[in-house]
Amino acid sequence: MAIFLTGVTGYIGSYVAHGLLTEHDDRIAVLVRAKNPDEAKRRLWKSLQLHMTFDEFAQHLPRFDVYLGDLHSPDLGLDAANRKTLVESMDSVLHIAASLNRKSAKACFNTNLRGTLTILKMARDAQDHHGLRRFSDVSTTAVSGLRTGDTVSHEDMVQWDRSDFDPYARTKKFCEHMVHELLPDVKTTVFRPSTVLGDSRRPETTQFDMVRAFAALAYMRVLPLNPEWRYDICPANYVARGIVHVHQSENPKYDSYNLSSGTSSLTYRQIVGGLKDAGHKPMVRFAPALGSSFKNIVELGMRTPRKYGLVPAASLMKVFWPYLVQDTVFDNSHIVEALGEAPTPFTEYALPLLRWAVKNKFSYPYAEWPADGDERLAKLAVKVA
């Protein structure tokens, strides 16, 4: 039997896969979009090399049951035989795959809604066939909708009469609804990460959208933000540790966990002060009255000719601006109780993350597949459907 893990080639998915590989013994069934088994292995290596050497990857690879398919395709693009094998072998489901494209309703609809529905139908078949131990859905705190100056409890996260941030938040909220409606007889857990930014143990990252936004703000001399607003940031390693720990627990105490910093979230004044204390040079002044003007400048930037290079930065800031100004945090008492500790404050690792990202021009220096990689794997029995 295996844990069916979706999103293994994504950022959070790679962290969760690493946690399952190093802390547990279960087989892991994964869906990889690839033309052939060799390409699938290379995509897995690209995803996991943030966490391990190639030799470690080679040792762990036999733990994977790799299925070639696509979340957007009917039955994940699997033929009848492979679908049957996957359904009958899954012990639990850990659904992480999602589109974070906050600008595209089509991308969010196809990946988050259609894709999740396909996963749920397979989970339904597995439950009817032999019973599922658990279905875990990785959602987002953005399902809480548009709020201002709030501290949101677990019980109040989803309110259907509240407006949503964007297509991403809207579709993820409905995904949670589908999980409860279609699997009423399965133990389910919903995980809701807040803004996931960096790793508290090291500066390297493979996720750059929010890092780019953070860097842009860090080098501005005037910030159009209220210094007392809080921003709920949680490191990826804490998020993944929480997901793995709770999913693998026999009887989790709660059915939902906000993977967040909660009431310990830092204010912008504290973040700026922490960067300065750590050695960040630029002096910053806060000017919240300029918020509206800043939004207008962002809009103008998006309409400039692409040759000027302003469109990507302006587009990114427009996407994240509603999240930056909400001054809302999310109760994390459930996960703190489960793990026995709170996440590391952002200021303790923010500057190394910033410097590493800028130095590497917001890209990760991926290692190529070793020249003798295939030979080193030849003796390993890797099951690829």
Protein backbone atom coordinates (compact mmCIF):
# COMPACT_ATOMS: atom_id res chain seq x y z
CA MET A 1 0.00 0.00 0.00
CA ALA A 2 1.15 3.56 -0.69
CA ILE A 3 0.50 7.19 0.07
CA PHE A 4 -0.78 8.82 -3.11
CA LEU A 5 1.01 12.19 -3.14
CA THR A 6 0.11 14.80 -5.74
CA GLY A 7 2.30 17.79 -6.54
CA VAL A 8 5.60 16.04 -5.89
CA THR A 9 7.41 18.18 -8.47
CA GLY A 10 6.15 21.40 -6.86
CA TYR A 11 7.72 23.43 -4.09
CA ILE A 12 5.74 22.26 -1.04
CA GLY A 13 5.30 18.80 -2.58
CA SER A 14 9.07 18.32 -2.71
CA TYR A 15 9.37 19.19 0.97
CA VAL A 16 6.59 16.78 1.91
CA ALA A 17 8.07 14.00 -0.22
CA HIS A 18 11.43 14.49 1.49
CA GLY A 19 9.80 14.32 4.90
CA LEU A 20 7.96 11.12 4.04
CA LEU A 21 11.11 9.55 2.60
CA THR A 22 13.35 10.36 5.56
CA GLU A 23 10.94 9.99 8.47
CA HIS A 24 8.59 7.20 7.39
CA ASP A 25 8.68 3.88 5.57
CA ASP A 26 5.59 4.08 3.35
CA ARG A 27 5.72 3.67 -0.40
CA ILE A 28 4.80 6.85 -2.21
CA ALA A 29 2.71 6.84 -5.39
CA VAL A 30 3.25 9.98 -7.45
CA LEU A 31 1.90 11.41 -10.69
CA VAL A 32 4.54 12.97 -12.93
CA ARG A 33 3.84 14.75 -16.19
CA ALA A 34 6.41 13.19 -18.50
CA LYS A 35 6.62 11.44 -21.87
CA ASN A 36 8.56 8.45 -20.58
CA PRO A 37 10.06 6.94 -17.41
CA ASP A 38 13.47 8.55 -17.97
CA GLU A 39 11.97 12.01 -18.21
CA ALA A 40 9.90 11.31 -15.08
CA LYS A 41 13.01 10.35 -13.10
CA ARG A 42 14.75 13.52 -14.21
CA ARG A 43 11.80 15.66 -13.18
CA LEU A 44 11.77 13.99 -9.76
CA TRP A 45 15.50 14.63 -9.38
CA LYS A 46 15.09 18.28 -10.32
CA SER A 47 12.39 18.67 -7.67
CA LEU A 48 14.17 16.81 -4.88
CA GLN A 49 17.74 18.06 -5.35
CA LEU A 50 16.96 21.02 -3.09
CA HIS A 51 16.77 18.43 -0.31
CA MET A 52 19.26 15.69 -1.16
CA THR A 53 22.31 14.63 -3.15
CA PHE A 54 21.98 12.44 -6.22
CA ASP A 55 23.24 9.41 -4.27
CA GLU A 56 20.54 9.97 -1.66
CA PHE A 57 17.99 10.40 -4.43
CA ALA A 58 19.12 7.10 -5.98
CA GLN A 59 18.67 5.35 -2.66
CA HIS A 60 15.15 6.74 -2.18
CA LEU A 61 13.92 6.34 -5.76
CA PRO A 62 12.78 2.69 -5.35
CA ARG A 63 10.28 3.90 -2.73
CA PHE A 64 8.31 5.68 -5.45
CA ASP A 65 5.58 4.19 -7.61
CA VAL A 66 5.73 6.64 -10.51
CA TYR A 67 2.70 7.07 -12.77
CA LEU A 68 3.02 9.02 -16.00
CA GLY A 69 0.01 11.28 -16.28
CA ASP A 70 -1.51 14.73 -16.01
CA LEU A 71 -3.84 16.21 -13.41
CA HIS A 72 -5.81 17.90 -16.21
CA SER A 73 -6.62 14.69 -18.08
CA PRO A 74 -9.58 12.35 -17.46
CA ASP A 75 -8.51 9.68 -14.96
CA LEU A 76 -5.21 11.58 -14.73
CA GLY A 77 -4.32 10.28 -18.19
CA LEU A 78 -3.95 6.72 -16.86
CA ASP A 79 -5.18 3.69 -18.77
CA ALA A 80 -7.67 1.39 -17.07
CA ALA A 81 -5.03 -1.02 -15.77
CA ASN A 82 -2.84 1.65 -14.19
CA ARG A 83 -5.82 3.49 -12.74
CA LYS A 84 -6.99 0.23 -11.14
CA THR A 85 -3.52 -0.43 -9.73
CA LEU A 86 -3.28 3.07 -8.26
CA VAL A 87 -6.76 2.97 -6.73
CA GLU A 88 -6.29 -0.47 -5.20
CA SER A 89 -2.85 0.34 -3.80
CA MET A 90 -3.49 3.71 -2.17
CA ASP A 91 -3.64 3.68 1.61
CA SER A 92 -4.14 7.46 1.90
CA VAL A 93 -4.14 10.55 -0.28
CA LEU A 94 -2.12 13.71 0.28
CA HIS A 95 -3.33 16.20 -2.31
CA ILE A 96 -0.96 19.14 -2.76
CA ALA A 97 -0.99 19.81 -6.53
CA ALA A 98 -2.55 23.17 -7.38
CA SER A 99 -2.31 26.16 -9.67
CA LEU A 100 -1.17 29.27 -7.81
CA ASN A 101 -1.83 31.44 -10.85
CA ARG A 102 -3.86 34.10 -9.08
CA LYS A 103 -4.48 35.99 -12.34
CA SER A 104 -5.94 33.14 -14.38
CA ALA A 105 -9.41 31.83 -13.62
CA LYS A 106 -8.94 29.21 -16.35
CA ALA A 107 -5.74 27.81 -14.85
CA CYS A 108 -7.26 27.68 -11.37
CA PHE A 109 -10.47 26.10 -12.65
CA ASN A 110 -8.69 23.39 -14.63
CA THR A 111 -6.08 22.48 -12.04
CA ASN A 112 -7.73 23.22 -8.73
CA LEU A 113 -11.32 22.25 -9.49
CA ARG A 114 -11.20 19.70 -12.31
CA GLY A 115 -7.98 18.17 -11.05
CA THR A 116 -9.18 17.87 -7.47
CA LEU A 117 -12.47 16.36 -8.63
CA THR A 118 -10.55 13.63 -10.49
CA ILE A 119 -8.45 12.90 -7.39
CA LEU A 120 -11.58 12.77 -5.25
CA LYS A 121 -13.28 10.32 -7.62
CA MET A 122 -10.28 8.00 -7.38
CA ALA A 123 -10.24 8.37 -3.60
CA ARG A 124 -13.93 7.54 -3.59
CA ASP A 125 -13.22 4.34 -5.52
CA ALA A 126 -10.39 3.45 -3.12
CA GLN A 127 -12.65 3.99 -0.13
CA ASP A 128 -15.32 1.76 -1.65
CA HIS A 129 -12.76 -0.90 -2.57
CA HIS A 130 -10.76 -1.27 0.64
CA GLY A 131 -11.09 1.90 2.71
CA LEU A 132 -8.80 4.93 2.94
CA ARG A 133 -6.84 5.74 6.07
CA ARG A 134 -7.00 9.47 5.38
CA PHE A 135 -7.51 12.13 2.72
CA SER A 136 -5.50 15.30 3.31
CA ASP A 137 -6.11 18.42 1.26
CA VAL A 138 -3.53 21.20 1.20
CA SER A 139 -5.53 24.39 0.83
CA THR A 140 -4.60 27.98 1.76
CA THR A 141 -5.45 30.61 4.37
CA ALA A 142 -6.61 32.72 1.42
CA VAL A 143 -9.94 30.82 1.61
CA SER A 144 -10.78 33.17 4.50
CA GLY A 145 -11.56 35.87 1.95
CA LEU A 146 -11.17 39.63 2.09
CA ARG A 147 -10.74 40.84 5.66
CA THR A 148 -9.05 43.74 7.41
CA GLY A 149 -7.35 43.78 10.80
CA ASP A 150 -8.57 40.34 11.82
CA THR A 151 -7.26 37.29 13.66
CA VAL A 152 -9.12 34.37 12.09
CA SER A 153 -9.93 31.23 14.06
CA HIS A 154 -10.00 27.79 12.47
CA GLU A 155 -13.79 27.71 12.81
CA ASP A 156 -14.26 30.99 10.93
CA MET A 157 -11.93 30.37 8.01
CA VAL A 158 -14.60 29.65 5.38
CA GLN A 159 -17.51 32.05 5.15
CA TRP A 160 -19.41 31.72 1.89
CA ASP A 161 -20.86 35.22 1.93
CA ARG A 162 -17.42 36.83 2.08
CA SER A 163 -15.72 38.05 -1.11
CA ASP A 164 -12.63 36.21 -2.33
CA PHE A 165 -9.17 37.58 -3.14
CA ASP A 166 -8.84 35.99 -6.57
CA PRO A 167 -9.53 32.83 -8.62
CA TYR A 168 -6.92 30.90 -6.65
CA ALA A 169 -8.59 31.55 -3.30
CA ARG A 170 -12.08 30.99 -4.73
CA THR A 171 -11.26 27.61 -6.27
CA LYS A 172 -9.33 26.37 -3.24
CA LYS A 173 -12.29 27.21 -1.03
CA PHE A 174 -14.56 25.14 -3.23
CA CYS A 175 -12.02 22.29 -3.24
CA GLU A 176 -12.37 22.10 0.54
CA HIS A 177 -16.12 21.92 0.07
CA MET A 178 -15.81 19.07 -2.44
CA VAL A 179 -13.60 17.07 -0.08
CA HIS A 180 -16.23 17.14 2.65
CA GLU A 181 -19.16 16.58 0.29
CA LEU A 182 -17.71 13.69 -1.73
CA LEU A 183 -15.86 11.86 1.05
CA PRO A 184 -18.23 12.12 4.03
CA ASP A 185 -17.21 8.67 5.32
CA VAL A 186 -13.43 9.24 5.05
CA LYS A 187 -11.22 10.82 7.70
CA THR A 188 -10.19 14.11 6.14
CA THR A 189 -7.72 16.81 7.10
CA VAL A 190 -7.42 20.27 5.60
CA PHE A 191 -4.10 22.13 5.80
CA ARG A 192 -4.08 25.87 5.17
CA PRO A 193 -0.64 27.44 4.73
CA SER A 194 -0.38 31.21 4.99
CA THR A 195 2.27 32.99 2.90
CA VAL A 196 5.05 30.41 2.51
CA LEU A 197 8.35 32.23 2.20
CA GLY A 198 11.76 30.61 2.45
CA ASP A 199 13.23 27.96 4.71
CA SER A 200 14.28 28.83 8.26
CA ARG A 201 17.30 26.47 8.07
CA ARG A 202 18.95 27.68 4.86
CA PRO A 203 18.73 30.49 2.30
CA GLU A 204 18.26 28.34 -0.83
CA THR A 205 14.82 28.17 -2.40
CA THR A 206 13.23 27.10 -5.68
CA GLN A 207 10.11 29.25 -5.27
CA PHE A 208 10.57 32.87 -6.31
CA ASP A 209 7.29 34.73 -6.87
CA MET A 210 6.89 35.87 -3.25
CA VAL A 211 10.66 36.22 -2.87
CA ARG A 212 10.68 38.69 -5.78
CA ALA A 213 7.87 40.68 -4.13
CA PHE A 214 9.73 40.62 -0.80
CA ALA A 215 12.96 41.77 -2.46
CA ALA A 216 11.20 44.61 -4.26
CA LEU A 217 9.78 45.88 -0.97
CA ALA A 218 13.08 45.35 0.88
CA TYR A 219 14.92 47.71 -1.47
CA MET A 220 12.28 50.43 -1.55
CA ARG A 221 13.23 53.53 0.44
CA VAL A 222 9.59 54.45 1.06
CA LEU A 223 7.05 51.74 1.84
CA PRO A 224 3.37 52.54 1.18
CA LEU A 225 2.39 50.29 4.11
CA ASN A 226 1.24 50.88 7.66
CA PRO A 227 4.16 49.85 9.92
CA GLU A 228 1.77 48.28 12.44
CA TRP A 229 0.09 45.97 9.92
CA ARG A 230 0.94 42.31 10.44
CA TYR A 231 1.87 39.87 7.71
CA ASP A 232 1.50 36.14 8.35
CA ILE A 233 4.59 34.38 6.96
CA CYS A 234 5.52 30.75 7.58
CA PRO A 235 8.68 28.92 6.41
CA ALA A 236 8.32 25.99 4.01
CA ASN A 237 10.11 23.52 6.29
CA TYR A 238 7.61 24.16 9.11
CA VAL A 239 4.66 23.86 6.71
CA ALA A 240 5.91 20.52 5.36
CA ARG A 241 6.76 19.19 8.82
CA GLY A 242 3.21 19.94 9.95
CA ILE A 243 1.66 18.26 6.92
CA VAL A 244 3.76 15.10 7.26
CA HIS A 245 3.31 14.84 11.03
CA VAL A 246 -0.46 15.23 11.03
CA HIS A 247 -1.12 13.15 7.91
CA GLN A 248 0.88 10.28 9.36
CA SER A 249 -0.70 10.52 12.82
CA GLU A 250 -3.17 7.78 13.65
CA ASN A 251 -5.82 10.08 15.10
CA PRO A 252 -5.17 13.80 14.60
CA LYS A 253 -7.01 15.90 17.15
CA TYR A 254 -8.40 18.39 14.64
CA ASP A 255 -9.75 18.26 11.09
CA SER A 256 -8.07 21.50 9.99
CA TYR A 257 -4.70 23.12 10.62
CA ASN A 258 -3.61 26.64 9.75
CA LEU A 259 0.10 26.40 8.91
CA SER A 260 0.87 29.96 9.88
CA SER A 261 2.52 32.25 12.41
CA GLY A 262 -0.80 33.38 13.86
CA THR A 263 -0.73 36.00 16.58
CA SER A 264 3.09 35.85 16.55
CA SER A 265 3.11 37.26 13.01
CA LEU A 266 5.45 40.21 12.70
CA THR A 267 4.46 43.75 11.82
CA TYR A 268 6.10 45.51 8.89
CA ARG A 269 7.97 47.64 11.42
CA GLN A 270 9.37 44.49 13.03
CA ILE A 271 10.33 42.98 9.67
CA VAL A 272 12.12 46.13 8.54
CA GLY A 273 13.80 46.46 11.94
CA GLY A 274 14.87 42.82 11.87
CA LEU A 275 16.44 43.25 8.42
CA LYS A 276 18.27 46.36 9.59
CA ASP A 277 19.56 44.64 12.74
CA ALA A 278 20.80 41.73 10.59
CA GLY A 279 22.81 44.08 8.38
CA HIS A 280 20.45 45.20 5.59
CA LYS A 281 21.66 48.63 4.47
CA PRO A 282 18.76 50.55 2.86
CA MET A 283 16.99 52.99 5.20
CA VAL A 284 13.21 52.72 4.99
CA ARG A 285 10.41 55.15 5.76
CA PHE A 286 6.76 54.17 6.02
CA ALA A 287 4.17 56.23 4.16
CA PRO A 288 0.80 54.41 4.29
CA ALA A 289 -0.92 57.46 2.78
CA LEU A 290 0.83 56.63 -0.49
CA GLY A 291 -0.94 53.28 -0.81
CA SER A 292 -3.45 54.48 -3.40
CA SER A 293 -0.77 56.24 -5.42
CA PHE A 294 1.37 53.12 -5.33
CA LYS A 295 -1.52 51.05 -6.69
CA ASN A 296 -1.95 53.55 -9.54
CA ILE A 297 1.78 53.37 -10.33
CA VAL A 298 1.55 49.58 -10.45
CA GLU A 299 -1.37 49.83 -12.89
CA LEU A 300 0.61 52.22 -15.07
CA GLY A 301 3.60 49.88 -14.98
CA MET A 302 1.46 47.05 -16.30
CA ARG A 303 0.50 49.16 -19.31
CA THR A 304 4.04 50.13 -20.32
CA PRO A 305 5.67 48.59 -23.41
CA ARG A 306 7.22 45.24 -22.57
CA LYS A 307 10.60 46.41 -23.84
CA TYR A 308 10.91 48.57 -20.71
CA GLY A 309 10.73 45.47 -18.50
CA LEU A 310 8.28 46.91 -15.97
CA VAL A 311 5.33 44.64 -16.70
CA PRO A 312 6.51 41.50 -14.82
CA ALA A 313 7.31 43.41 -11.62
CA ALA A 314 4.11 45.45 -11.77
CA SER A 315 2.01 42.37 -12.50
CA LEU A 316 3.56 40.53 -9.56
CA MET A 317 2.95 43.42 -7.16
CA LYS A 318 -0.66 43.78 -8.31
CA VAL A 319 -1.30 40.11 -7.53
CA PHE A 320 0.13 40.27 -4.03
CA TRP A 321 -0.96 43.77 -3.02
CA PRO A 322 -4.35 42.69 -1.56
CA TYR A 323 -2.54 40.16 0.63
CA LEU A 324 0.03 42.73 1.79
CA VAL A 325 -2.51 45.25 3.06
CA GLN A 326 -5.08 43.03 4.81
CA ASP A 327 -3.40 43.07 8.26
CA THR A 328 -4.95 39.68 8.99
CA VAL A 329 -3.39 36.63 10.63
CA PHE A 330 -4.57 33.07 11.17
CA ASP A 331 -4.79 31.15 14.43
CA ASN A 332 -2.08 28.46 14.41
CA SER A 333 -2.82 26.89 17.80
CA HIS A 334 -3.75 23.50 16.28
CA ILE A 335 -0.41 22.94 14.56
CA VAL A 336 1.63 24.40 17.42
CA GLU A 337 -0.08 21.90 19.73
CA ALA A 338 0.59 19.05 17.30
CA LEU A 339 4.27 19.88 16.70
CA GLY A 340 5.08 21.27 20.12
CA GLU A 341 6.62 24.45 18.73
CA ALA A 342 5.83 27.55 16.73
CA PRO A 343 7.43 28.44 13.38
CA THR A 344 10.68 30.40 13.30
CA PRO A 345 10.04 34.16 13.01
CA PHE A 346 10.69 35.49 9.50
CA THR A 347 13.31 37.99 10.69
CA GLU A 348 15.60 35.15 11.77
CA TYR A 349 16.16 33.99 8.19
CA ALA A 350 14.88 36.82 5.97
CA LEU A 351 18.21 38.50 5.16
CA PRO A 352 20.09 35.31 4.12
CA LEU A 353 17.10 34.43 1.89
CA LEU A 354 17.11 37.93 0.36
CA ARG A 355 20.84 37.97 -0.29
CA TRP A 356 20.92 34.47 -1.75
CA ALA A 357 17.98 35.17 -4.07
CA VAL A 358 19.45 38.44 -5.34
CA LYS A 359 22.91 36.91 -5.79
CA ASN A 360 21.45 34.03 -7.82
CA LYS A 361 19.18 36.35 -9.82
CA PHE A 362 16.04 34.65 -8.49
CA SER A 363 16.83 31.26 -9.95
CA TYR A 364 17.99 27.99 -8.45
CA PRO A 365 21.26 26.51 -9.77
CA TYR A 366 19.88 23.10 -10.66
CA ALA A 367 22.42 20.32 -11.13
CA GLU A 368 22.29 18.38 -14.35
CA TRP A 369 21.50 14.69 -14.40
CA PRO A 370 24.91 13.04 -13.72
CA ALA A 371 26.69 11.56 -16.72
CA ASP A 372 26.71 8.19 -14.99
CA GLY A 373 23.27 8.69 -13.43
CA ASP A 374 21.57 5.95 -15.43
CA GLU A 375 24.32 3.50 -14.55
CA ARG A 376 23.99 4.32 -10.85
CA LEU A 377 20.27 3.65 -11.05
CA ALA A 378 20.49 0.57 -13.25
CA LYS A 379 20.68 -1.81 -10.31
CA LEU A 380 17.65 -0.30 -8.59
CA ALA A 381 14.17 -1.68 -9.26
CA VAL A 382 12.15 1.42 -10.04
CA LYS A 383 8.51 0.87 -10.81
CA VAL A 384 7.24 3.32 -13.43
CA ALA A 385 3.77 2.78 -14.87
